[in-house]
Amino acid sequence: MTGKKQSLPFDKRGGTIVLCRRLIESDNYQTLSTHARALMTLLQVHWRPDKPVDYGVREAEKRLVCNRKTAMKAFNLLIELLAKFIKAREFLA
């Protein structure tokens, strides 16, 4: 035995995502769909304190393995129920 700690293959970056118990037990979180909950975690993966999260519907479609309409519903649900957590960025047409 070498005594060297082996890293797990899925944790090469060494990061963690933490969900606050108060958030998980909140009524807003409990009413989210499974896609919206997964999307919230994906958004946290891309979060940095110095810039807005650049994550869109197309990326969500691929990662959540769903169609565009379901991904948009997940985004809208997060915007509606967790308005302080996520703000939609409006684009000029």
Protein backbone atom coordinates (compact mmCIF):
# COMPACT_ATOMS: atom_id res chain seq x y z
CA MET A 1 0.00 0.00 0.00
CA THR A 2 1.47 3.32 -1.05
CA GLY A 3 -0.42 5.54 1.39
CA LYS A 4 -1.24 7.93 -1.44
CA LYS A 5 -4.88 9.03 -1.58
CA GLN A 6 -6.40 8.19 -4.92
CA SER A 7 -8.83 10.68 -6.37
CA LEU A 8 -12.13 9.50 -7.72
CA PRO A 9 -12.47 9.58 -11.53
CA PHE A 10 -15.55 11.83 -11.42
CA ASP A 11 -13.92 14.46 -9.19
CA LYS A 12 -10.89 15.52 -11.22
CA ARG A 13 -11.63 19.22 -10.71
CA GLY A 14 -11.97 18.85 -6.95
CA GLY A 15 -15.10 20.95 -6.60
CA THR A 16 -18.31 20.51 -4.68
CA ILE A 17 -21.81 21.88 -4.95
CA VAL A 18 -23.62 22.51 -1.67
CA LEU A 19 -27.36 22.97 -1.28
CA CYS A 20 -28.47 24.64 1.91
CA ARG A 21 -30.91 22.58 3.98
CA ARG A 22 -33.14 25.64 4.41
CA LEU A 23 -33.37 25.91 0.62
CA ILE A 24 -34.19 22.22 0.15
CA GLU A 25 -36.94 22.36 2.80
CA SER A 26 -38.46 25.59 1.45
CA ASP A 27 -41.89 25.55 -0.19
CA ASN A 28 -40.50 27.10 -3.37
CA TYR A 29 -37.91 24.36 -3.81
CA GLN A 30 -40.43 21.61 -3.02
CA THR A 31 -42.75 22.84 -5.78
CA LEU A 32 -40.02 22.79 -8.46
CA SER A 33 -40.11 20.14 -11.15
CA THR A 34 -37.27 17.64 -11.33
CA HIS A 35 -35.94 19.40 -14.43
CA ALA A 36 -35.92 22.76 -12.63
CA ARG A 37 -34.05 21.25 -9.66
CA ALA A 38 -31.44 19.72 -11.95
CA LEU A 39 -31.15 23.00 -13.85
CA MET A 40 -30.55 24.86 -10.61
CA THR A 41 -27.61 22.56 -9.87
CA LEU A 42 -26.24 23.02 -13.39
CA LEU A 43 -26.42 26.79 -12.96
CA GLN A 44 -24.49 26.51 -9.71
CA VAL A 45 -21.74 24.59 -11.49
CA HIS A 46 -21.26 27.57 -13.84
CA TRP A 47 -21.58 30.26 -11.18
CA ARG A 48 -18.63 32.58 -10.53
CA PRO A 49 -18.74 35.55 -8.15
CA ASP A 50 -17.29 37.99 -10.68
CA LYS A 51 -19.62 37.47 -13.67
CA PRO A 52 -23.16 36.41 -14.58
CA VAL A 53 -23.86 32.77 -15.39
CA ASP A 54 -23.80 32.24 -19.13
CA TYR A 55 -26.04 29.22 -19.52
CA GLY A 56 -28.89 28.98 -21.97
CA VAL A 57 -31.77 26.84 -23.10
CA ARG A 58 -29.70 24.92 -25.65
CA GLU A 59 -27.16 23.86 -23.04
CA ALA A 60 -29.96 22.92 -20.65
CA GLU A 61 -31.63 20.84 -23.39
CA LYS A 62 -28.48 18.80 -23.89
CA ARG A 63 -27.60 18.34 -20.23
CA LEU A 64 -31.13 17.63 -18.99
CA VAL A 65 -31.88 15.40 -22.00
CA CYS A 66 -35.19 17.06 -22.72
CA ASN A 67 -36.80 19.13 -25.43
CA ARG A 68 -36.61 22.92 -25.78
CA LYS A 69 -40.08 23.48 -24.30
CA THR A 70 -39.24 21.54 -21.12
CA ALA A 71 -35.94 23.40 -20.70
CA MET A 72 -37.72 26.74 -21.11
CA LYS A 73 -40.33 25.70 -18.55
CA ALA A 74 -37.56 24.85 -16.10
CA PHE A 75 -35.93 28.26 -16.59
CA ASN A 76 -39.28 30.04 -16.23
CA LEU A 77 -40.09 28.12 -13.06
CA LEU A 78 -36.76 29.11 -11.51
CA ILE A 79 -37.30 32.73 -12.50
CA GLU A 80 -40.85 32.75 -11.11
CA LEU A 81 -40.32 30.91 -7.83
CA LEU A 82 -36.75 31.83 -7.03
CA ALA A 83 -36.63 35.39 -8.36
CA LYS A 84 -33.79 36.34 -6.05
CA PHE A 85 -31.74 33.35 -7.13
CA ILE A 86 -32.02 33.69 -10.90
CA LYS A 87 -32.71 36.72 -13.08
CA ALA A 88 -33.37 36.41 -16.76
CA ARG A 89 -31.10 38.39 -19.00
CA GLU A 90 -33.05 40.21 -21.63
CA PHE A 91 -31.66 40.41 -25.13
CA LEU A 92 -32.29 43.13 -27.63
CA ALA A 93 -34.07 41.89 -30.72
